[in-house]
Protein backbone atom coordinates (compact mmCIF):
# COMPACT_ATOMS: atom_id res chain seq x y z
CA GLU A 1 56.98 -8.92 10.67
CA ALA A 2 56.79 -6.80 13.80
CA ASN A 3 54.07 -4.71 12.22
CA LEU A 4 52.20 -7.81 11.14
CA LEU A 5 52.44 -9.28 14.61
CA ALA A 6 51.33 -5.98 16.12
CA SER A 7 48.39 -5.86 13.71
CA ILE A 8 47.39 -9.42 14.49
CA GLU A 9 47.67 -8.75 18.23
CA ALA A 10 45.59 -5.60 17.90
CA LYS A 11 42.90 -7.49 15.97
CA ARG A 12 42.97 -10.26 18.59
CA GLN A 13 42.52 -7.78 21.39
CA SER A 14 39.79 -5.98 19.49
CA LEU A 15 38.00 -9.32 18.84
CA GLU A 16 38.26 -10.32 22.47
CA GLU A 17 36.85 -6.95 23.53
CA ARG A 18 33.95 -7.30 21.09
CA LEU A 19 33.30 -10.89 22.22
CA GLU A 20 33.36 -9.81 25.84
CA ALA A 21 30.95 -6.97 25.09
CA ARG A 22 28.73 -9.35 23.14
CA ARG A 23 28.83 -11.88 25.99
CA GLN A 24 27.88 -9.21 28.49
CA GLU A 25 25.03 -8.02 26.24
CA VAL A 26 23.74 -11.57 25.86
CA GLU A 27 23.95 -12.18 29.59
CA GLU A 28 22.19 -8.88 30.29
CA ASP A 29 19.49 -9.74 27.71
CA CYS A 30 18.99 -13.23 29.18
CA ARG A 31 18.82 -11.83 32.71
CA ARG A 32 16.32 -9.18 31.59
CA LYS A 33 14.15 -11.76 29.76
CA ALA A 34 14.32 -14.07 32.77
CA GLU A 35 13.20 -11.23 35.06
CA GLU A 36 10.41 -10.27 32.64
CA GLY A 37 9.28 -13.93 32.35
CA GLN A 38 9.30 -14.29 36.11
CA ALA A 39 7.32 -11.08 36.46
CA LYS A 40 4.80 -12.24 33.84
CA PHE A 41 4.50 -15.64 35.53
CA GLN A 42 3.91 -14.00 38.91
CA GLU A 43 1.37 -11.63 37.36
CA ARG A 44 -0.41 -14.57 35.71
CA GLN A 45 -0.45 -16.48 38.99
CA VAL A 46 -1.90 -13.44 40.75
CA ARG A 47 -4.53 -13.00 38.02
CA ILE A 48 -5.45 -16.72 38.12
CA TYR A 49 -5.69 -16.58 41.90
CA ALA A 50 -7.90 -13.49 41.69
CA GLN A 51 -10.15 -15.11 39.07
CA THR A 52 -10.29 -18.31 41.12
CA GLN A 53 -11.14 -16.30 44.20
CA ASP A 54 -13.93 -14.45 42.34
CA TRP A 55 -15.27 -17.74 40.93
CA VAL A 56 -15.25 -19.36 44.37
CA GLU A 57 -16.95 -16.36 45.94
CA LYS A 58 -19.60 -16.35 43.18
CA LYS A 59 -20.19 -20.09 43.56
CA LEU A 60 -20.47 -19.74 47.31
CA ASP A 61 -22.89 -16.85 46.86
CA ASP A 62 -24.99 -18.84 44.37
CA HIS A 63 -24.92 -21.87 46.64
CA SER A 64 -26.05 -19.80 49.61
CA LYS A 65 -28.88 -18.36 47.48
CA PHE A 66 -29.82 -21.88 46.35
CA GLN A 67 -29.84 -23.14 49.92
CA GLU A 68 -31.99 -20.21 51.00
CA HIS A 69 -34.38 -20.77 48.09
CA HIS A 70 -34.45 -24.52 48.83
CA ARG A 71 -35.23 -23.92 52.50
CA ASN A 72 -37.97 -21.46 51.58
CA SER A 73 -39.42 -23.86 48.99
CA VAL A 74 -39.37 -26.80 51.39
CA GLN A 75 -40.96 -24.74 54.13
CA GLY A 76 -43.55 -23.35 51.69
CA GLY A 77 -44.35 -26.88 50.50
CA LYS A 78 -44.76 -28.08 54.08
CA ASP A 79 -47.03 -25.14 54.88
CA PHE A 80 -49.05 -25.73 51.71
CA MET A 81 -49.42 -29.43 52.47
CA LYS A 82 -50.51 -28.63 56.00
CA ALA A 83 -53.13 -26.16 54.79
CA ARG A 84 -54.18 -28.54 52.05
CA SER A 85 -54.41 -31.50 54.38
CA LYS A 86 -56.51 -29.44 56.74
CA SER A 87 -58.84 -28.23 53.96
CA MET A 88 -58.93 -31.68 52.38
CA GLY A 89 -59.71 -33.17 55.74
CA ASP A 90 -62.67 -30.84 56.12
CA LEU A 91 -63.82 -31.53 52.56
CA THR A 92 -63.38 -35.28 53.02
CA LYS A 93 -65.32 -35.18 56.25
CA LYS A 94 -68.13 -33.19 54.64
CA ALA A 95 -68.18 -35.51 51.62
CA GLN A 96 -68.25 -38.55 53.86
CA GLU A 97 -71.10 -37.12 55.89
CA LYS A 98 -73.01 -36.34 52.69
CA TRP A 99 -72.36 -39.84 51.35
CA LYS A 100 -73.46 -41.34 54.67
CA SER A 101 -76.71 -39.39 54.65
CA ASN A 102 -77.43 -40.33 51.01
CA TYR A 103 -76.53 -43.95 51.66
CA ASP A 104 -78.80 -44.12 54.70
CA LYS A 105 -81.60 -42.53 52.67
CA LEU A 106 -81.13 -44.99 49.79
CA MET A 107 -80.95 -47.97 52.13
CA SER A 108 -84.07 -46.77 53.92
CA ASN A 109 -85.93 -46.48 50.60
CA LYS A 110 -84.62 -49.88 49.52
CA ASN A 111 -85.71 -51.52 52.77
CA GLN A 112 -89.12 -49.86 52.47
CA ASP A 113 -89.47 -51.10 48.88
CA ASN A 114 -88.44 -54.60 49.92
CA ASN A 115 -90.93 -54.58 52.77
CA ASP A 116 -93.68 -53.37 50.42
CA LEU A 117 -92.80 -56.08 47.91
CA MET A 118 -92.79 -58.79 50.55
CA GLN A 119 -96.09 -57.52 51.83
CA LYS A 120 -97.45 -57.62 48.28
CA HIS A 121 -96.26 -61.20 47.88
CA GLU A 122 -97.80 -62.13 51.18
CA ASN A 123 -101.12 -60.59 50.17
CA ALA A 124 -100.97 -62.48 46.86
CA ARG A 125 -100.27 -65.71 48.71
CA ILE A 126 -103.24 -65.11 51.01
CA ARG A 127 -105.50 -64.36 48.04
CA THR A 128 -104.27 -67.48 46.25
CA GLU A 129 -104.98 -69.66 49.27
CA GLU A 130 -108.43 -68.12 49.59
CA ARG A 131 -109.21 -68.77 45.87
CA MET A 132 -107.90 -72.32 45.91
CA GLY A 133 -111.07 -73.42 47.70
CA LEU A 134 -113.18 -71.94 44.88
CA LYS A 135 -111.56 -74.25 42.29
CA LEU A 136 -111.03 -71.41 39.73
CA LYS A 137 -108.64 -71.38 36.75
CA CYS A 138 -107.84 -68.04 35.03
CA ALA A 139 -110.89 -66.54 36.79
CA ASN A 140 -113.05 -69.32 35.26
CA ASP A 141 -114.85 -72.10 37.06
CA VAL A 142 -113.13 -75.13 35.55
CA HIS A 143 -115.76 -77.44 37.00
CA SER A 144 -118.68 -75.46 35.59
CA PHE A 145 -121.11 -76.66 32.93
CA HIS A 146 -119.87 -74.13 30.33
CA GLU A 147 -116.22 -75.21 30.54
CA THR A 148 -117.09 -78.89 30.27
CA LYS A 149 -119.55 -78.49 27.43
CA HIS A 150 -118.14 -75.65 25.29
CA LYS A 151 -114.43 -76.14 26.15
CA THR A 152 -113.73 -72.41 26.39
CA TRP A 153 -110.19 -72.79 27.74
CA GLY A 154 -109.03 -75.23 25.06
CA GLU A 155 -110.63 -73.15 22.31
CA LEU A 156 -108.84 -70.05 23.61
CA GLN A 157 -105.53 -71.86 23.52
CA ARG A 158 -106.13 -73.05 19.96
CA ARG A 159 -107.04 -69.53 18.82
CA ARG A 160 -103.90 -68.10 20.42
CA ILE A 161 -101.71 -70.78 18.82
CA THR A 162 -103.31 -70.12 15.44
CA GLU A 163 -102.74 -66.36 15.82
CA TYR A 164 -99.13 -66.98 16.79
CA LYS A 165 -98.57 -69.23 13.75
CA ASN A 166 -100.21 -66.68 11.48
CA GLN A 167 -98.01 -63.97 12.94
CA GLN A 168 -94.88 -66.07 12.36
CA ASP A 169 -95.99 -66.88 8.80
CA ALA A 170 -96.63 -63.18 8.09
CA TYR A 171 -93.20 -62.25 9.50
CA VAL A 172 -91.43 -64.93 7.44
CA GLN A 173 -93.38 -63.89 4.33
CA ALA A 174 -92.48 -60.21 4.82
CA LEU A 175 -88.83 -61.15 5.38
CA ALA A 176 -88.83 -63.31 2.24
CA ILE A 177 -90.39 -60.48 0.22
CA LYS A 178 -87.80 -58.04 1.54
CA VAL A 179 -84.95 -60.42 0.68
CA ALA A 180 -86.43 -61.01 -2.78
CA GLU A 181 -86.72 -57.26 -3.35
CA GLY A 182 -83.10 -56.81 -2.34
CA GLN A 183 -81.98 -59.59 -4.67
CA ALA A 184 -84.09 -58.18 -7.53
CA LYS A 185 -82.62 -54.73 -6.93
CA ALA A 186 -79.09 -56.13 -6.89
CA LYS A 187 -79.78 -58.11 -10.09
CA ALA A 188 -81.23 -55.03 -11.80
CA GLN A 189 -78.17 -53.01 -10.83
CA TYR A 190 -75.88 -55.75 -12.07
CA ASP A 191 -77.81 -56.05 -15.37
CA GLY A 192 -77.66 -52.28 -15.83
CA GLN A 193 -73.92 -52.24 -15.18
CA MET A 194 -73.36 -55.11 -17.61
CA GLU A 195 -75.52 -53.40 -20.26
CA MET A 196 -73.58 -50.15 -19.80
CA ARG A 197 -70.32 -52.08 -20.07
CA ASN A 198 -71.48 -53.84 -23.27
CA ARG A 199 -72.60 -50.55 -24.77
CA ARG A 200 -69.25 -48.97 -24.02
CA GLN A 201 -67.46 -51.93 -25.56
CA GLN A 202 -69.74 -51.76 -28.64
CA ILE A 203 -69.15 -47.99 -28.99
CA GLY A 204 -65.40 -48.49 -28.67
CA LYS A 205 -65.46 -51.28 -31.22
CA GLU A 206 -67.50 -49.20 -33.68
CA THR A 207 -65.21 -46.21 -33.13
CA LEU A 208 -62.09 -48.27 -33.79
CA ALA A 209 -63.70 -49.83 -36.90
CA LEU A 210 -64.72 -46.38 -38.18
CA ASN A 211 -61.18 -45.10 -37.60
CA ASP A 212 -59.76 -48.04 -39.52
CA ARG A 213 -62.21 -47.55 -42.41
CA ALA A 214 -61.52 -43.81 -42.45
CA LYS A 215 -57.76 -44.38 -42.61
CA GLU A 216 -58.21 -46.91 -45.40
CA GLY A 217 -60.60 -44.57 -47.29
CA PHE A 218 -58.27 -41.58 -46.98
CA LEU A 219 -55.39 -43.68 -48.27
CA ARG A 220 -57.54 -44.73 -51.24
CA ILE A 221 -58.59 -41.10 -51.83
CA LYS A 222 -54.96 -39.98 -51.91
CA ALA A 223 -54.17 -42.55 -54.62
CA GLU A 224 -57.47 -42.13 -56.58
CA PRO A 225 -57.66 -39.47 -59.35
CA ASP A 226 -61.30 -40.18 -60.24
CA GLU A 227 -63.64 -37.74 -58.44
CA ARG A 228 -66.66 -40.07 -58.63
CA LYS A 229 -64.81 -42.86 -56.85
CA ILE A 230 -63.67 -40.36 -54.23
CA VAL A 231 -67.31 -39.26 -53.72
CA LYS A 232 -68.36 -42.93 -53.41
CA VAL A 233 -65.67 -43.68 -50.85
CA MET A 234 -66.59 -40.65 -48.74
CA SER A 235 -70.28 -41.54 -48.96
CA GLU A 236 -69.50 -45.05 -47.69
CA LEU A 237 -67.66 -43.47 -44.75
CA GLY A 238 -70.64 -41.16 -44.05
CA PHE A 239 -69.02 -37.93 -45.22
CA ASN A 240 -70.19 -35.42 -47.83
CA MET A 241 -67.97 -34.41 -50.68
CA PRO A 242 -67.11 -30.72 -50.37
CA LYS A 243 -68.25 -28.70 -53.34
CA LEU A 244 -65.70 -26.48 -55.05
CA PRO A 245 -66.82 -22.99 -56.14
CA ASP A 246 -67.57 -22.50 -59.87
CA GLU A 247 -65.75 -20.04 -62.09
CA ASP A 248 -68.98 -18.09 -62.74
CA ASP A 249 -69.50 -17.62 -59.01
CA GLU A 250 -65.93 -16.38 -58.68
CA GLY A 251 -66.52 -13.90 -61.55
CA HIS A 252 -69.71 -12.56 -59.91
CA GLU A 253 -67.91 -12.10 -56.64
CA GLU A 254 -65.11 -10.15 -58.33
CA GLU A 255 -67.65 -7.93 -60.08
CA LYS A 256 -69.38 -7.25 -56.77
CA LYS A 257 -66.08 -6.26 -55.24
């Protein structure tokens, strides 16, 4: 029993020593992993801060470049608009002066034409008043002996009216002839189309009838042993009976070979 108790006690002490060693190893491993994790976290934070710092510096640099480019563009646009407004002002002024000169010239010509026309009308009025005392009508003396006796003015009117009526009659006649020609042409075209259509229908009908007769004749030929009836049927269909070679002709051909 003493040996057993001593053995059990020795095993217990050995187990406690191993457990203590294992506990110390686990604690050392946990402490080491915690230190490594903290170091990795700090390294990651430093790397993130460095990347953030680089990104911020790059953004600030790009923004400063954009602002510089924007200021230059705005200033360039203002300078361009100033130069353009100055050049456009000169061009507009020159164009306005040119338009003004052309307008004044056109108005001067128009006023001169109006004055000439009014002067022409005034001269015509003066001539009319001067001729009114002569009692003339269409350069003819309406109170003369010739106008009263021969009625030259009325005859002239009648001739002109007759010519106008003849002209209208000739125009209507030509138009009627043209319309009649068009209608005759259309009717001829329609008749030709209908004739062509009837011919096609007739040809199709005859073709179908010939096909039917040919089918019927061939069926009769197949069932007919008499050669004369076969020849008659083919003659009715418009075909010639093929001639078979004779035995004498075959013998001559063999001798020639």
